[in-house]
Amino acid sequence: MTAHETVDYVDADDRPVTRGPRGGAAARGLYYRVAATVCTDSAGRLLVYRRPDWAAVYPAHHDILIGGCPRAGESYAEAAARELHEELGVVAVPRLLLHQPRPSPLGRCWLAVHVAEVPTPSRVDPREIADHFFVPTADLADRPPTPFVPEGRRVLAQLLARGLPLPPP
């Protein structure tokens, strides 16, 4: 998604209030939305990727959350599926696991975290992903690569603590 695309700005209850350019919600005291997906393979391993060195937020950090902002009028699920296709070149049906307000480096957001089983990505977007690999969940929880995006680490811990299913049934 580019900065000139229109996104929904929402209130503290995730109700749309108005629309505007990506990155403009905080200046209005509103939230923006983020749709992210934790990807697994058929063996139940988690996809970890490294952000490019030039990324504006968390450059060269590892993460498990593939995603971005839903476009204006787009649902979280639609945005999650679109982002998987744009960033990894895969088609998948993400399943919602978490939906909660979160702070972010760009202001407050509503984060919807999905899970999806995906094949090994064959066409990643180098503007978004510098490297990627699958890791057993226990190994990732015990020895995550560094540096790691704080929100991705927090989501992983939250999913594991809740016993949420990874991968999806």
C-alpha atoms as a PDB file:
ATOM      1  CA  MET A   1       0.000   0.000   0.000  1.00  0.00           C
ATOM      2  CA  THR A   2       1.272   3.463  -0.759  1.00  0.00           C
ATOM      3  CA  ALA A   3       0.847   6.599   1.339  1.00  0.00           C
ATOM      4  CA  HIS A   4      -1.585   8.151  -1.165  1.00  0.00           C
ATOM      5  CA  GLU A   5      -4.156   5.375  -0.774  1.00  0.00           C
ATOM      6  CA  THR A   6      -7.259   6.094   1.262  1.00  0.00           C
ATOM      7  CA  VAL A   7      -7.886   4.165   4.479  1.00  0.00           C
ATOM      8  CA  ASP A   8     -10.615   4.203   7.108  1.00  0.00           C
ATOM      9  CA  TYR A   9      -9.971   6.110  10.331  1.00  0.00           C
ATOM     10  CA  VAL A  10     -11.826   4.536  13.242  1.00  0.00           C
ATOM     11  CA  ASP A  11     -12.733   5.346  16.840  1.00  0.00           C
ATOM     12  CA  ALA A  12     -11.738   3.528  20.037  1.00  0.00           C
ATOM     13  CA  ASP A  13     -14.421   0.884  19.308  1.00  0.00           C
ATOM     14  CA  ASP A  14     -13.193   0.273  15.728  1.00  0.00           C
ATOM     15  CA  ARG A  15     -16.161   2.063  14.169  1.00  0.00           C
ATOM     16  CA  PRO A  16     -15.381   4.012  10.974  1.00  0.00           C
ATOM     17  CA  VAL A  17     -15.414   7.784  11.533  1.00  0.00           C
ATOM     18  CA  THR A  18     -13.932   9.163   8.343  1.00  0.00           C
ATOM     19  CA  ARG A  19     -11.397   8.367   5.642  1.00  0.00           C
ATOM     20  CA  GLY A  20      -8.063   9.821   4.736  1.00  0.00           C
ATOM     21  CA  PRO A  21      -4.528   9.078   3.593  1.00  0.00           C
ATOM     22  CA  ARG A  22      -2.507   6.365   5.262  1.00  0.00           C
ATOM     23  CA  GLY A  23      -0.608   7.833   8.208  1.00  0.00           C
ATOM     24  CA  GLY A  24      -3.139  10.574   8.926  1.00  0.00           C
ATOM     25  CA  ALA A  25      -5.278   9.042  11.693  1.00  0.00           C
ATOM     26  CA  ALA A  26      -3.047  10.042  14.627  1.00  0.00           C
ATOM     27  CA  ALA A  27      -3.166  13.743  13.718  1.00  0.00           C
ATOM     28  CA  ARG A  28      -6.958  13.546  14.066  1.00  0.00           C
ATOM     29  CA  GLY A  29      -6.832  11.639  17.348  1.00  0.00           C
ATOM     30  CA  LEU A  30      -8.214   8.520  15.659  1.00  0.00           C
ATOM     31  CA  TYR A  31      -7.090   4.947  15.101  1.00  0.00           C
ATOM     32  CA  TYR A  32      -6.143   3.255  11.855  1.00  0.00           C
ATOM     33  CA  ARG A  33      -6.580  -0.434  11.018  1.00  0.00           C
ATOM     34  CA  VAL A  34      -3.987  -3.143  10.411  1.00  0.00           C
ATOM     35  CA  ALA A  35      -4.662  -6.628   9.055  1.00  0.00           C
ATOM     36  CA  ALA A  36      -1.843  -9.100   9.699  1.00  0.00           C
ATOM     37  CA  THR A  37      -1.391 -12.820   9.201  1.00  0.00           C
ATOM     38  CA  VAL A  38       0.795 -15.367  10.963  1.00  0.00           C
ATOM     39  CA  CYS A  39       1.679 -17.904   8.287  1.00  0.00           C
ATOM     40  CA  THR A  40       2.317 -21.602   8.837  1.00  0.00           C
ATOM     41  CA  ASP A  41       3.355 -24.352   6.472  1.00  0.00           C
ATOM     42  CA  SER A  42       1.861 -27.853   6.285  1.00  0.00           C
ATOM     43  CA  ALA A  43       4.327 -29.014   8.977  1.00  0.00           C
ATOM     44  CA  GLY A  44       3.093 -26.339  11.403  1.00  0.00           C
ATOM     45  CA  ARG A  45       6.243 -24.219  11.217  1.00  0.00           C
ATOM     46  CA  LEU A  46       5.911 -20.420  11.300  1.00  0.00           C
ATOM     47  CA  LEU A  47       7.035 -18.126   8.517  1.00  0.00           C
ATOM     48  CA  VAL A  48       9.593 -15.584   9.684  1.00  0.00           C
ATOM     49  CA  TYR A  49      10.689 -12.798   7.400  1.00  0.00           C
ATOM     50  CA  ARG A  50      13.268 -10.021   7.570  1.00  0.00           C
ATOM     51  CA  ARG A  51      12.293  -6.483   6.675  1.00  0.00           C
ATOM     52  CA  PRO A  52      14.532  -4.678   4.159  1.00  0.00           C
ATOM     53  CA  ASP A  53      17.390  -2.542   5.456  1.00  0.00           C
ATOM     54  CA  TRP A  54      15.663   0.578   4.084  1.00  0.00           C
ATOM     55  CA  ALA A  55      12.233  -0.050   5.667  1.00  0.00           C
ATOM     56  CA  ALA A  56      10.840   3.101   7.289  1.00  0.00           C
ATOM     57  CA  VAL A  57       9.756   1.202  10.408  1.00  0.00           C
ATOM     58  CA  TYR A  58      11.933  -1.495  12.013  1.00  0.00           C
ATOM     59  CA  PRO A  59      14.506  -1.802   9.218  1.00  0.00           C
ATOM     60  CA  ALA A  60      16.308  -5.178   9.041  1.00  0.00           C
ATOM     61  CA  HIS A  61      14.106  -6.607  11.814  1.00  0.00           C
ATOM     62  CA  HIS A  62      12.539 -10.068  11.714  1.00  0.00           C
ATOM     63  CA  ASP A  63       8.789 -10.526  12.091  1.00  0.00           C
ATOM     64  CA  ILE A  64       5.964 -13.060  11.816  1.00  0.00           C
ATOM     65  CA  LEU A  65       3.196 -10.605  10.927  1.00  0.00           C
ATOM     66  CA  ILE A  66       2.591 -10.246   7.190  1.00  0.00           C
ATOM     67  CA  GLY A  67       0.159  -7.437   6.518  1.00  0.00           C
ATOM     68  CA  GLY A  68      -0.744  -3.815   6.217  1.00  0.00           C
ATOM     69  CA  CYS A  69      -3.596  -1.331   6.290  1.00  0.00           C
ATOM     70  CA  PRO A  70      -6.962  -2.285   4.846  1.00  0.00           C
ATOM     71  CA  ARG A  71      -8.013   0.105   2.119  1.00  0.00           C
ATOM     72  CA  ALA A  72     -11.089   2.249   2.709  1.00  0.00           C
ATOM     73  CA  GLY A  73     -14.124  -0.037   2.824  1.00  0.00           C
ATOM     74  CA  GLU A  74     -12.018  -3.221   2.769  1.00  0.00           C
ATOM     75  CA  SER A  75     -12.572  -5.796   5.526  1.00  0.00           C
ATOM     76  CA  TYR A  76      -9.734  -7.098   7.658  1.00  0.00           C
ATOM     77  CA  ALA A  77     -10.037 -10.541   6.031  1.00  0.00           C
ATOM     78  CA  GLU A  78      -9.972  -9.078   2.519  1.00  0.00           C
ATOM     79  CA  ALA A  79      -6.916  -6.981   3.388  1.00  0.00           C
ATOM     80  CA  ALA A  80      -5.123  -9.941   4.984  1.00  0.00           C
ATOM     81  CA  ALA A  81      -5.658 -12.089   1.874  1.00  0.00           C
ATOM     82  CA  ARG A  82      -4.607  -9.242  -0.433  1.00  0.00           C
ATOM     83  CA  GLU A  83      -1.431  -8.579   1.556  1.00  0.00           C
ATOM     84  CA  LEU A  84      -0.472 -12.276   1.463  1.00  0.00           C
ATOM     85  CA  HIS A  85      -0.806 -12.230  -2.298  1.00  0.00           C
ATOM     86  CA  GLU A  86       1.052  -8.922  -2.737  1.00  0.00           C
ATOM     87  CA  GLU A  87       3.911  -9.646  -0.339  1.00  0.00           C
ATOM     88  CA  LEU A  88       4.350 -13.426  -0.683  1.00  0.00           C
ATOM     89  CA  GLY A  89       2.666 -14.244  -3.982  1.00  0.00           C
ATOM     90  CA  VAL A  90       0.407 -16.812  -2.265  1.00  0.00           C
ATOM     91  CA  VAL A  91      -3.342 -17.302  -2.212  1.00  0.00           C
ATOM     92  CA  ALA A  92      -4.728 -18.245   1.203  1.00  0.00           C
ATOM     93  CA  VAL A  93      -7.838 -17.835   3.327  1.00  0.00           C
ATOM     94  CA  PRO A  94      -6.778 -16.186   6.592  1.00  0.00           C
ATOM     95  CA  ARG A  95      -8.723 -17.035   9.769  1.00  0.00           C
ATOM     96  CA  LEU A  96      -9.102 -14.362  12.461  1.00  0.00           C
ATOM     97  CA  LEU A  97      -7.405 -15.078  15.789  1.00  0.00           C
ATOM     98  CA  LEU A  98      -7.079 -11.720  17.574  1.00  0.00           C
ATOM     99  CA  HIS A  99      -8.654  -8.287  17.223  1.00  0.00           C
ATOM    100  CA  GLN A 100      -7.491  -5.583  19.616  1.00  0.00           C
ATOM    101  CA  PRO A 101      -6.369  -1.968  19.903  1.00  0.00           C
ATOM    102  CA  ARG A 102      -2.604  -1.515  19.975  1.00  0.00           C
ATOM    103  CA  PRO A 103      -0.066   1.287  20.078  1.00  0.00           C
ATOM    104  CA  SER A 104       2.260   1.470  17.079  1.00  0.00           C
ATOM    105  CA  PRO A 105       5.137   3.647  15.880  1.00  0.00           C
ATOM    106  CA  LEU A 106       2.581   5.428  13.638  1.00  0.00           C
ATOM    107  CA  GLY A 107      -0.140   6.005  16.246  1.00  0.00           C
ATOM    108  CA  ARG A 108      -2.921   3.929  17.720  1.00  0.00           C
ATOM    109  CA  CYS A 109      -4.328   1.119  15.616  1.00  0.00           C
ATOM    110  CA  TRP A 110      -6.787  -1.716  15.666  1.00  0.00           C
ATOM    111  CA  LEU A 111      -4.846  -4.888  14.884  1.00  0.00           C
ATOM    112  CA  ALA A 112      -6.578  -7.950  13.457  1.00  0.00           C
ATOM    113  CA  VAL A 113      -4.267 -10.971  13.520  1.00  0.00           C
ATOM    114  CA  HIS A 114      -5.124 -13.916  11.307  1.00  0.00           C
ATOM    115  CA  VAL A 115      -3.533 -17.310  10.710  1.00  0.00           C
ATOM    116  CA  ALA A 116      -3.217 -19.087   7.360  1.00  0.00           C
ATOM    117  CA  GLU A 117      -1.435 -22.130   6.069  1.00  0.00           C
ATOM    118  CA  VAL A 118       0.625 -21.140   3.044  1.00  0.00           C
ATOM    119  CA  PRO A 119       2.899 -22.927   0.603  1.00  0.00           C
ATOM    120  CA  THR A 120       6.548 -21.942   0.457  1.00  0.00           C
ATOM    121  CA  PRO A 121       6.472 -18.443  -1.040  1.00  0.00           C
ATOM    122  CA  SER A 122       7.981 -18.367  -4.506  1.00  0.00           C
ATOM    123  CA  ARG A 123       7.447 -14.712  -5.412  1.00  0.00           C
ATOM    124  CA  VAL A 124       8.087 -12.340  -2.523  1.00  0.00           C
ATOM    125  CA  ASP A 125       8.003  -8.569  -2.875  1.00  0.00           C
ATOM    126  CA  PRO A 126      11.603  -7.407  -2.259  1.00  0.00           C
ATOM    127  CA  ARG A 127      10.311  -3.968  -1.248  1.00  0.00           C
ATOM    128  CA  GLU A 128       8.652  -5.647   1.758  1.00  0.00           C
ATOM    129  CA  ILE A 129      10.643  -8.827   2.419  1.00  0.00           C
ATOM    130  CA  ALA A 130      14.426  -9.169   2.332  1.00  0.00           C
ATOM    131  CA  ASP A 131      14.497 -12.825   3.401  1.00  0.00           C
ATOM    132  CA  HIS A 132      12.080 -15.467   4.674  1.00  0.00           C
ATOM    133  CA  PHE A 133      12.172 -18.953   6.195  1.00  0.00           C
ATOM    134  CA  PHE A 134       9.983 -21.368   8.181  1.00  0.00           C
ATOM    135  CA  VAL A 135      10.861 -22.130  11.808  1.00  0.00           C
ATOM    136  CA  PRO A 136       9.358 -24.633  14.280  1.00  0.00           C
ATOM    137  CA  THR A 137       7.157 -22.746  16.748  1.00  0.00           C
ATOM    138  CA  ALA A 138       9.103 -23.944  19.806  1.00  0.00           C
ATOM    139  CA  ASP A 139      12.411 -22.851  18.268  1.00  0.00           C
ATOM    140  CA  LEU A 140      11.000 -19.432  17.447  1.00  0.00           C
ATOM    141  CA  ALA A 141       9.599 -19.001  20.955  1.00  0.00           C
ATOM    142  CA  ASP A 142      12.903 -20.083  22.557  1.00  0.00           C
ATOM    143  CA  ARG A 143      15.419 -18.520  20.163  1.00  0.00           C
ATOM    144  CA  PRO A 144      13.917 -15.822  17.935  1.00  0.00           C
ATOM    145  CA  PRO A 145      16.240 -14.225  15.400  1.00  0.00           C
ATOM    146  CA  THR A 146      17.394 -10.737  16.299  1.00  0.00           C
ATOM    147  CA  PRO A 147      16.460  -8.030  15.987  1.00  0.00           C
ATOM    148  CA  PHE A 148      12.733  -8.854  16.071  1.00  0.00           C
ATOM    149  CA  VAL A 149       9.772  -6.479  15.657  1.00  0.00           C
ATOM    150  CA  PRO A 150       8.359  -5.988  19.185  1.00  0.00           C
ATOM    151  CA  GLU A 151       4.710  -6.365  18.132  1.00  0.00           C
ATOM    152  CA  GLY A 152       5.426  -9.632  16.313  1.00  0.00           C
ATOM    153  CA  ARG A 153       7.128 -11.000  19.415  1.00  0.00           C
ATOM    154  CA  ARG A 154       4.223  -9.843  21.597  1.00  0.00           C
ATOM    155  CA  VAL A 155       1.635 -11.437  19.285  1.00  0.00           C
ATOM    156  CA  LEU A 156       3.555 -14.727  19.211  1.00  0.00           C
ATOM    157  CA  ALA A 157       3.715 -14.808  23.014  1.00  0.00           C
ATOM    158  CA  GLN A 158       0.021 -13.945  23.269  1.00  0.00           C
ATOM    159  CA  LEU A 159      -1.009 -16.653  20.804  1.00  0.00           C
ATOM    160  CA  LEU A 160       1.077 -19.295  22.545  1.00  0.00           C
ATOM    161  CA  ALA A 161      -0.105 -18.253  26.026  1.00  0.00           C
ATOM    162  CA  ARG A 162      -3.753 -18.503  24.937  1.00  0.00           C
ATOM    163  CA  GLY A 163      -3.160 -21.877  23.367  1.00  0.00           C
ATOM    164  CA  LEU A 164      -4.578 -20.601  20.120  1.00  0.00           C
ATOM    165  CA  PRO A 165      -4.248 -23.095  17.284  1.00  0.00           C
ATOM    166  CA  LEU A 166      -1.249 -22.823  15.056  1.00  0.00           C
ATOM    167  CA  PRO A 167      -1.726 -23.950  12.304  1.00  0.00           C
ATOM    168  CA  PRO A 168      -5.428 -23.612  11.588  1.00  0.00           C
ATOM    169  CA  PRO A 169      -7.613 -26.741  11.695  1.00  0.00           C
END
